[in-house]
């Protein structure tokens, strides 16, 4: 389940060359820093697949910390995990 693995996904961002003292506090100001580091990593031939879920997890957490909210999960539908639909 995504929520059980979010820490693992976020840890994948450790491959990025982030500045000394980077505060991974999910604040809006951290997003351009991550973007710059991710672009540099990929330009050097880094693994795109490694970053996709990590960056997605960080962005999702940044949105939650900034705008509020929480993760909800509907569970497994037809063998695929799906987020809860908003209606």
PDB file of N, CA and C in Angstrom:
ATOM      1  N   UNK A   1       0.844  -1.181   0.000  1.00  0.00           N
ATOM      2  CA  UNK A   1       0.000   0.000   0.000  1.00  0.00           C
ATOM      3  C   UNK A   1       0.889   1.243   0.000  1.00  0.00           C
ATOM      4  N   UNK A   2       0.475   2.230  -0.741  1.00  0.00           N
ATOM      5  CA  UNK A   2       1.234   3.473  -0.898  1.00  0.00           C
ATOM      6  C   UNK A   2       1.614   4.095   0.443  1.00  0.00           C
ATOM      7  N   UNK A   3       0.688   4.197   1.366  1.00  0.00           N
ATOM      8  CA  UNK A   3       0.975   4.854   2.639  1.00  0.00           C
ATOM      9  C   UNK A   3       2.028   4.105   3.440  1.00  0.00           C
ATOM     10  N   UNK A   4       2.057   2.793   3.316  1.00  0.00           N
ATOM     11  CA  UNK A   4       3.059   2.001   4.025  1.00  0.00           C
ATOM     12  C   UNK A   4       4.452   2.182   3.428  1.00  0.00           C
ATOM     13  N   UNK A   5       4.512   2.595   2.175  1.00  0.00           N
ATOM     14  CA  UNK A   5       5.787   2.693   1.466  1.00  0.00           C
ATOM     15  C   UNK A   5       6.267   4.127   1.268  1.00  0.00           C
ATOM     16  N   UNK A   6       5.530   5.108   1.762  1.00  0.00           N
ATOM     17  CA  UNK A   6       5.887   6.497   1.481  1.00  0.00           C
ATOM     18  C   UNK A   6       7.275   6.851   2.007  1.00  0.00           C
ATOM     19  N   UNK A   7       7.649   6.322   3.162  1.00  0.00           N
ATOM     20  CA  UNK A   7       8.985   6.576   3.691  1.00  0.00           C
ATOM     21  C   UNK A   7      10.064   6.010   2.796  1.00  0.00           C
ATOM     22  N   UNK A   8       9.805   4.837   2.242  1.00  0.00           N
ATOM     23  CA  UNK A   8      10.752   4.212   1.315  1.00  0.00           C
ATOM     24  C   UNK A   8      10.888   5.066   0.058  1.00  0.00           C
ATOM     25  N   UNK A   9       9.753   5.522  -0.454  1.00  0.00           N
ATOM     26  CA  UNK A   9       9.782   6.345  -1.667  1.00  0.00           C
ATOM     27  C   UNK A   9      10.519   7.655  -1.413  1.00  0.00           C
ATOM     28  N   UNK A  10      10.268   8.278  -0.278  1.00  0.00           N
ATOM     29  CA  UNK A  10      10.951   9.537   0.047  1.00  0.00           C
ATOM     30  C   UNK A  10      12.454   9.327   0.207  1.00  0.00           C
ATOM     31  N   UNK A  11      12.847   8.168   0.706  1.00  0.00           N
ATOM     32  CA  UNK A  11      14.282   7.910   0.905  1.00  0.00           C
ATOM     33  C   UNK A  11      15.036   7.832  -0.420  1.00  0.00           C
ATOM     34  N   UNK A  12      14.343   7.560  -1.504  1.00  0.00           N
ATOM     35  CA  UNK A  12      14.981   7.496  -2.817  1.00  0.00           C
ATOM     36  C   UNK A  12      15.524   8.852  -3.245  1.00  0.00           C
ATOM     37  N   UNK A  13      15.034   9.910  -2.636  1.00  0.00           N
ATOM     38  CA  UNK A  13      15.534  11.246  -2.962  1.00  0.00           C
ATOM     39  C   UNK A  13      16.951  11.447  -2.445  1.00  0.00           C
ATOM     40  N   UNK A  14      17.452  10.499  -1.676  1.00  0.00           N
ATOM     41  CA  UNK A  14      18.818  10.565  -1.173  1.00  0.00           C
ATOM     42  C   UNK A  14      19.870  10.511  -2.271  1.00  0.00           C
ATOM     43  N   UNK A  15      19.484  10.120  -3.487  1.00  0.00           N
ATOM     44  CA  UNK A  15      20.438  10.102  -4.597  1.00  0.00           C
ATOM     45  C   UNK A  15      20.714  11.504  -5.130  1.00  0.00           C
ATOM     46  N   UNK A  16      19.893  12.466  -4.737  1.00  0.00           N
ATOM     47  CA  UNK A  16      20.047  13.830  -5.243  1.00  0.00           C
ATOM     48  C   UNK A  16      21.137  14.577  -4.482  1.00  0.00           C
ATOM     49  N   UNK A  17      21.860  15.401  -5.204  1.00  0.00           N
ATOM     50  CA  UNK A  17      22.885  16.251  -4.598  1.00  0.00           C
ATOM     51  C   UNK A  17      22.199  17.529  -4.114  1.00  0.00           C
ATOM     52  N   UNK A  18      21.693  17.465  -2.902  1.00  0.00           N
ATOM     53  CA  UNK A  18      20.993  18.616  -2.324  1.00  0.00           C
ATOM     54  C   UNK A  18      21.987  19.489  -1.566  1.00  0.00           C
ATOM     55  N   UNK A  19      21.699  20.784  -1.481  1.00  0.00           N
ATOM     56  CA  UNK A  19      22.626  21.685  -0.793  1.00  0.00           C
ATOM     57  C   UNK A  19      22.775  21.337   0.689  1.00  0.00           C
ATOM     58  N   UNK A  20      23.929  21.669   1.234  1.00  0.00           N
ATOM     59  CA  UNK A  20      24.181  21.479   2.667  1.00  0.00           C
ATOM     60  C   UNK A  20      23.084  22.188   3.460  1.00  0.00           C
ATOM     61  N   UNK A  21      22.541  21.511   4.429  1.00  0.00           N
ATOM     62  CA  UNK A  21      21.521  22.110   5.281  1.00  0.00           C
ATOM     63  C   UNK A  21      20.127  22.152   4.667  1.00  0.00           C
ATOM     64  N   UNK A  22      19.921  21.423   3.563  1.00  0.00           N
ATOM     65  CA  UNK A  22      18.592  21.394   2.939  1.00  0.00           C
ATOM     66  C   UNK A  22      17.567  20.915   3.960  1.00  0.00           C
ATOM     67  N   UNK A  23      16.524  21.694   4.153  1.00  0.00           N
ATOM     68  CA  UNK A  23      15.470  21.345   5.112  1.00  0.00           C
ATOM     69  C   UNK A  23      14.339  20.653   4.360  1.00  0.00           C
ATOM     70  N   UNK A  24      14.259  19.344   4.493  1.00  0.00           N
ATOM     71  CA  UNK A  24      13.189  18.613   3.803  1.00  0.00           C
ATOM     72  C   UNK A  24      11.914  18.667   4.633  1.00  0.00           C
ATOM     73  N   UNK A  25      11.386  19.884   4.737  1.00  0.00           N
ATOM     74  CA  UNK A  25      10.215  20.132   5.585  1.00  0.00           C
ATOM     75  C   UNK A  25       8.921  20.278   4.790  1.00  0.00           C
ATOM     76  N   UNK A  26       8.969  19.949   3.511  1.00  0.00           N
ATOM     77  CA  UNK A  26       7.803  19.993   2.624  1.00  0.00           C
ATOM     78  C   UNK A  26       7.279  21.410   2.381  1.00  0.00           C
ATOM     79  N   UNK A  27       8.044  22.426   2.719  1.00  0.00           N
ATOM     80  CA  UNK A  27       7.607  23.801   2.477  1.00  0.00           C
ATOM     81  C   UNK A  27       7.713  24.111   0.984  1.00  0.00           C
ATOM     82  N   UNK A  28       6.925  25.071   0.495  1.00  0.00           N
ATOM     83  CA  UNK A  28       6.970  25.417  -0.926  1.00  0.00           C
ATOM     84  C   UNK A  28       8.372  25.801  -1.411  1.00  0.00           C
ATOM     85  N   UNK A  29       9.166  26.410  -0.552  1.00  0.00           N
ATOM     86  CA  UNK A  29      10.505  26.824  -0.944  1.00  0.00           C
ATOM     87  C   UNK A  29      11.449  25.671  -1.240  1.00  0.00           C
ATOM     88  N   UNK A  30      11.120  24.482  -0.783  1.00  0.00           N
ATOM     89  CA  UNK A  30      11.990  23.328  -1.050  1.00  0.00           C
ATOM     90  C   UNK A  30      11.771  22.753  -2.447  1.00  0.00           C
ATOM     91  N   UNK A  31      10.633  23.048  -3.049  1.00  0.00           N
ATOM     92  CA  UNK A  31      10.315  22.439  -4.343  1.00  0.00           C
ATOM     93  C   UNK A  31      11.266  22.860  -5.465  1.00  0.00           C
ATOM     94  N   UNK A  32      11.598  24.163  -5.605  1.00  0.00           N
ATOM     95  CA  UNK A  32      12.562  24.518  -6.651  1.00  0.00           C
ATOM     96  C   UNK A  32      13.951  23.918  -6.410  1.00  0.00           C
ATOM     97  N   UNK A  33      14.319  23.746  -5.153  1.00  0.00           N
ATOM     98  CA  UNK A  33      15.620  23.144  -4.829  1.00  0.00           C
ATOM     99  C   UNK A  33      15.622  21.679  -5.271  1.00  0.00           C
ATOM    100  N   UNK A  34      14.544  20.967  -4.975  1.00  0.00           N
ATOM    101  CA  UNK A  34      14.428  19.572  -5.416  1.00  0.00           C
ATOM    102  C   UNK A  34      14.399  19.480  -6.933  1.00  0.00           C
ATOM    103  N   UNK A  35      13.680  20.397  -7.574  1.00  0.00           N
ATOM    104  CA  UNK A  35      13.604  20.387  -9.033  1.00  0.00           C
ATOM    105  C   UNK A  35      15.001  20.535  -9.649  1.00  0.00           C
ATOM    106  N   UNK A  36      15.758  21.500  -9.167  1.00  0.00           N
ATOM    107  CA  UNK A  36      17.107  21.731  -9.678  1.00  0.00           C
ATOM    108  C   UNK A  36      17.988  20.497  -9.481  1.00  0.00           C
ATOM    109  N   UNK A  37      17.920  19.904  -8.298  1.00  0.00           N
ATOM    110  CA  UNK A  37      18.724  18.717  -8.005  1.00  0.00           C
ATOM    111  C   UNK A  37      18.289  17.531  -8.869  1.00  0.00           C
ATOM    112  N   UNK A  38      16.981  17.377  -9.077  1.00  0.00           N
ATOM    113  CA  UNK A  38      16.479  16.262  -9.887  1.00  0.00           C
ATOM    114  C   UNK A  38      16.895  16.421 -11.344  1.00  0.00           C
ATOM    115  N   UNK A  39      16.820  17.627 -11.868  1.00  0.00           N
ATOM    116  CA  UNK A  39      17.232  17.864 -13.253  1.00  0.00           C
ATOM    117  C   UNK A  39      18.721  17.561 -13.421  1.00  0.00           C
ATOM    118  N   UNK A  40      19.534  18.031 -12.491  1.00  0.00           N
ATOM    119  CA  UNK A  40      20.976  17.772 -12.555  1.00  0.00           C
ATOM    120  C   UNK A  40      21.252  16.272 -12.505  1.00  0.00           C
ATOM    121  N   UNK A  41      20.559  15.560 -11.631  1.00  0.00           N
ATOM    122  CA  UNK A  41      20.726  14.111 -11.499  1.00  0.00           C
ATOM    123  C   UNK A  41      20.383  13.405 -12.812  1.00  0.00           C
ATOM    124  N   UNK A  42      19.274  13.799 -13.420  1.00  0.00           N
ATOM    125  CA  UNK A  42      18.841  13.154 -14.656  1.00  0.00           C
ATOM    126  C   UNK A  42      19.749  13.519 -15.828  1.00  0.00           C
ATOM    127  N   UNK A  43      20.241  14.750 -15.854  1.00  0.00           N
ATOM    128  CA  UNK A  43      21.164  15.161 -16.922  1.00  0.00           C
ATOM    129  C   UNK A  43      22.476  14.380 -16.855  1.00  0.00           C
ATOM    130  N   UNK A  44      22.806  13.869 -15.688  1.00  0.00           N
ATOM    131  CA  UNK A  44      24.023  13.061 -15.521  1.00  0.00           C
ATOM    132  C   UNK A  44      23.749  11.579 -15.745  1.00  0.00           C
ATOM    133  N   UNK A  45      22.560  11.269 -16.265  1.00  0.00           N
ATOM    134  CA  UNK A  45      22.226   9.883 -16.580  1.00  0.00           C
ATOM    135  C   UNK A  45      21.570   9.126 -15.446  1.00  0.00           C
ATOM    136  N   UNK A  46      21.044   9.849 -14.464  1.00  0.00           N
ATOM    137  CA  UNK A  46      20.392   9.203 -13.324  1.00  0.00           C
ATOM    138  C   UNK A  46      19.143   8.430 -13.722  1.00  0.00           C
ATOM    139  N   UNK A  47      18.707   7.564 -12.848  1.00  0.00           N
ATOM    140  CA  UNK A  47      17.574   6.668 -13.068  1.00  0.00           C
ATOM    141  C   UNK A  47      16.243   7.397 -12.857  1.00  0.00           C
ATOM    142  N   UNK A  48      15.516   7.624 -13.948  1.00  0.00           N
ATOM    143  CA  UNK A  48      14.223   8.315 -13.882  1.00  0.00           C
ATOM    144  C   UNK A  48      13.236   7.552 -13.005  1.00  0.00           C
ATOM    145  N   UNK A  49      13.171   6.234 -13.201  1.00  0.00           N
ATOM    146  CA  UNK A  49      12.204   5.430 -12.453  1.00  0.00           C
ATOM    147  C   UNK A  49      12.418   5.538 -10.942  1.00  0.00           C
ATOM    148  N   UNK A  50      13.667   5.679 -10.544  1.00  0.00           N
ATOM    149  CA  UNK A  50      13.984   5.794  -9.123  1.00  0.00           C
ATOM    150  C   UNK A  50      13.356   7.046  -8.519  1.00  0.00           C
ATOM    151  N   UNK A  51      13.331   8.122  -9.305  1.00  0.00           N
ATOM    152  CA  UNK A  51      12.866   9.404  -8.777  1.00  0.00           C
ATOM    153  C   UNK A  51      11.365   9.632  -8.846  1.00  0.00           C
ATOM    154  N   UNK A  52      10.690   9.042  -9.806  1.00  0.00           N
ATOM    155  CA  UNK A  52       9.289   9.380 -10.056  1.00  0.00           C
ATOM    156  C   UNK A  52       8.426   9.275  -8.807  1.00  0.00           C
ATOM    157  N   UNK A  53       8.461   8.143  -8.143  1.00  0.00           N
ATOM    158  CA  UNK A  53       7.605   7.974  -6.960  1.00  0.00           C
ATOM    159  C   UNK A  53       8.100   8.793  -5.782  1.00  0.00           C
ATOM    160  N   UNK A  54       9.416   8.940  -5.637  1.00  0.00           N
ATOM    161  CA  UNK A  54       9.969   9.753  -4.554  1.00  0.00           C
ATOM    162  C   UNK A  54       9.571  11.214  -4.680  1.00  0.00           C
ATOM    163  N   UNK A  55       9.697  11.749  -5.893  1.00  0.00           N
ATOM    164  CA  UNK A  55       9.298  13.140  -6.112  1.00  0.00           C
ATOM    165  C   UNK A  55       7.787  13.300  -5.969  1.00  0.00           C
ATOM    166  N   UNK A  56       7.048  12.312  -6.442  1.00  0.00           N
ATOM    167  CA  UNK A  56       5.590  12.350  -6.289  1.00  0.00           C
ATOM    168  C   UNK A  56       5.173  12.342  -4.828  1.00  0.00           C
ATOM    169  N   UNK A  57       5.851  11.514  -4.034  1.00  0.00           N
ATOM    170  CA  UNK A  57       5.551  11.453  -2.595  1.00  0.00           C
ATOM    171  C   UNK A  57       5.870  12.781  -1.919  1.00  0.00           C
ATOM    172  N   UNK A  58       7.016  13.363  -2.274  1.00  0.00           N
ATOM    173  CA  UNK A  58       7.410  14.633  -1.649  1.00  0.00           C
ATOM    174  C   UNK A  58       6.427  15.734  -2.041  1.00  0.00           C
ATOM    175  N   UNK A  59       6.068  15.799  -3.315  1.00  0.00           N
ATOM    176  CA  UNK A  59       5.122  16.820  -3.763  1.00  0.00           C
ATOM    177  C   UNK A  59       3.770  16.647  -3.075  1.00  0.00           C
ATOM    178  N   UNK A  60       3.321  15.406  -2.958  1.00  0.00           N
ATOM    179  CA  UNK A  60       2.057  15.154  -2.266  1.00  0.00           C
ATOM    180  C   UNK A  60       2.097  15.608  -0.820  1.00  0.00           C
ATOM    181  N   UNK A  61       3.185  15.311  -0.144  1.00  0.00           N
ATOM    182  CA  UNK A  61       3.326  15.757   1.250  1.00  0.00           C
ATOM    183  C   UNK A  61       3.398  17.281   1.328  1.00  0.00           C
ATOM    184  N   UNK A  62       4.079  17.911   0.368  1.00  0.00           N
ATOM    185  CA  UNK A  62       4.176  19.372   0.355  1.00  0.00           C
ATOM    186  C   UNK A  62       2.798  20.002   0.196  1.00  0.00           C
ATOM    187  N   UNK A  63       1.978  19.420  -0.666  1.00  0.00           N
ATOM    188  CA  UNK A  63       0.614  19.932  -0.854  1.00  0.00           C
ATOM    189  C   UNK A  63      -0.180  19.778   0.440  1.00  0.00           C
ATOM    190  N   UNK A  64      -0.080  18.616   1.077  1.00  0.00           N
ATOM    191  CA  UNK A  64      -0.813  18.396   2.330  1.00  0.00           C
ATOM    192  C   UNK A  64      -0.364  19.350   3.424  1.00  0.00           C
ATOM    193  N   UNK A  65       0.941  19.562   3.556  1.00  0.00           N
ATOM    194  CA  UNK A  65       1.450  20.449   4.600  1.00  0.00           C
ATOM    195  C   UNK A  65       1.077  21.903   4.328  1.00  0.00           C
ATOM    196  N   UNK A  66       0.998  22.278   3.055  1.00  0.00           N
ATOM    197  CA  UNK A  66       0.710  23.658   2.695  1.00  0.00           C
ATOM    198  C   UNK A  66      -0.793  23.942   2.686  1.00  0.00           C
ATOM    199  N   UNK A  67      -1.552  23.065   2.050  1.00  0.00           N
ATOM    200  CA  UNK A  67      -2.986  23.306   1.872  1.00  0.00           C
ATOM    201  C   UNK A  67      -3.849  22.574   2.894  1.00  0.00           C
ATOM    202  N   UNK A  68      -3.256  21.633   3.607  1.00  0.00           N
ATOM    203  CA  UNK A  68      -4.033  20.842   4.559  1.00  0.00           C
ATOM    204  C   UNK A  68      -4.610  19.609   3.898  1.00  0.00           C
ATOM    205  N   UNK A  69      -5.105  18.727   4.701  1.00  0.00           N
ATOM    206  CA  UNK A  69      -5.717  17.510   4.175  1.00  0.00           C
ATOM    207  C   UNK A  69      -5.058  16.273   4.749  1.00  0.00           C
ATOM    208  N   UNK A  70      -5.380  15.135   4.162  1.00  0.00           N
ATOM    209  CA  UNK A  70      -4.820  13.864   4.589  1.00  0.00           C
ATOM    210  C   UNK A  70      -4.954  12.869   3.448  1.00  0.00           C
ATOM    211  N   UNK A  71      -4.153  11.819   3.507  1.00  0.00           N
ATOM    212  CA  UNK A  71      -4.247  10.757   2.526  1.00  0.00           C
ATOM    213  C   UNK A  71      -5.414   9.846   2.897  1.00  0.00           C
ATOM    214  N   UNK A  72      -6.178   9.430   1.912  1.00  0.00           N
ATOM    215  CA  UNK A  72      -7.221   8.436   2.096  1.00  0.00           C
ATOM    216  C   UNK A  72      -7.025   7.365   1.033  1.00  0.00           C
ATOM    217  N   UNK A  73      -7.373   6.154   1.379  1.00  0.00           N
ATOM    218  CA  UNK A  73      -7.166   5.054   0.452  1.00  0.00           C
ATOM    219  C   UNK A  73      -8.395   4.179   0.403  1.00  0.00           C
ATOM    220  N   UNK A  74      -8.853   3.881  -0.789  1.00  0.00           N
ATOM    221  CA  UNK A  74     -10.034   3.043  -0.964  1.00  0.00           C
ATOM    222  C   UNK A  74      -9.690   1.568  -0.841  1.00  0.00           C
ATOM    223  N   UNK A  75      -8.434   1.246  -1.027  1.00  0.00           N
ATOM    224  CA  UNK A  75      -8.023  -0.147  -0.973  1.00  0.00           C
ATOM    225  C   UNK A  75      -7.791  -0.696  -2.355  1.00  0.00           C
ATOM    226  N   UNK A  76      -7.974  -1.966  -2.475  1.00  0.00           N
ATOM    227  CA  UNK A  76      -7.651  -2.669  -3.698  1.00  0.00           C
ATOM    228  C   UNK A  76      -8.926  -2.906  -4.508  1.00  0.00           C
ATOM    229  N   UNK A  77      -8.903  -2.500  -5.781  1.00  0.00           N
ATOM    230  CA  UNK A  77     -10.026  -2.727  -6.681  1.00  0.00           C
ATOM    231  C   UNK A  77      -9.489  -3.472  -7.888  1.00  0.00           C
ATOM    232  N   UNK A  78     -10.002  -4.645  -8.135  1.00  0.00           N
ATOM    233  CA  UNK A  78      -9.535  -5.476  -9.252  1.00  0.00           C
ATOM    234  C   UNK A  78      -8.024  -5.701  -9.208  1.00  0.00           C
ATOM    235  N   UNK A  79      -7.471  -5.863  -8.019  1.00  0.00           N
ATOM    236  CA  UNK A  79      -6.061  -6.142  -7.866  1.00  0.00           C
ATOM    237  C   UNK A  79      -5.151  -4.924  -7.944  1.00  0.00           C
ATOM    238  N   UNK A  80      -5.736  -3.727  -8.070  1.00  0.00           N
ATOM    239  CA  UNK A  80      -4.958  -2.500  -8.176  1.00  0.00           C
ATOM    240  C   UNK A  80      -5.338  -1.574  -7.026  1.00  0.00           C
ATOM    241  N   UNK A  81      -4.318  -1.059  -6.331  1.00  0.00           N
ATOM    242  CA  UNK A  81      -4.592  -0.115  -5.253  1.00  0.00           C
ATOM    243  C   UNK A  81      -5.038   1.215  -5.838  1.00  0.00           C
ATOM    244  N   UNK A  82      -6.062   1.799  -5.255  1.00  0.00           N
ATOM    245  CA  UNK A  82      -6.614   3.044  -5.782  1.00  0.00           C
ATOM    246  C   UNK A  82      -6.895   4.034  -4.660  1.00  0.00           C
ATOM    247  N   UNK A  83      -6.643   5.320  -4.935  1.00  0.00           N
ATOM    248  CA  UNK A  83      -7.015   6.327  -3.943  1.00  0.00           C
ATOM    249  C   UNK A  83      -8.536   6.433  -3.871  1.00  0.00           C
ATOM    250  N   UNK A  84      -9.020   6.911  -2.734  1.00  0.00           N
ATOM    251  CA  UNK A  84     -10.458   7.081  -2.559  1.00  0.00           C
ATOM    252  C   UNK A  84     -10.947   8.164  -3.513  1.00  0.00           C
ATOM    253  N   UNK A  85     -12.040   7.881  -4.203  1.00  0.00           N
ATOM    254  CA  UNK A  85     -12.623   8.866  -5.119  1.00  0.00           C
ATOM    255  C   UNK A  85     -13.395   9.909  -4.326  1.00  0.00           C
ATOM    256  N   UNK A  86     -13.275  11.141  -4.754  1.00  0.00           N
ATOM    257  CA  UNK A  86     -14.024  12.240  -4.122  1.00  0.00           C
ATOM    258  C   UNK A  86     -15.306  12.432  -4.936  1.00  0.00           C
ATOM    259  N   UNK A  87     -16.418  12.579  -4.256  1.00  0.00           N
ATOM    260  CA  UNK A  87     -17.656  12.688  -5.019  1.00  0.00           C
ATOM    261  C   UNK A  87     -18.486  13.797  -4.674  1.00  0.00           C
TER     262      UNK A  87
END
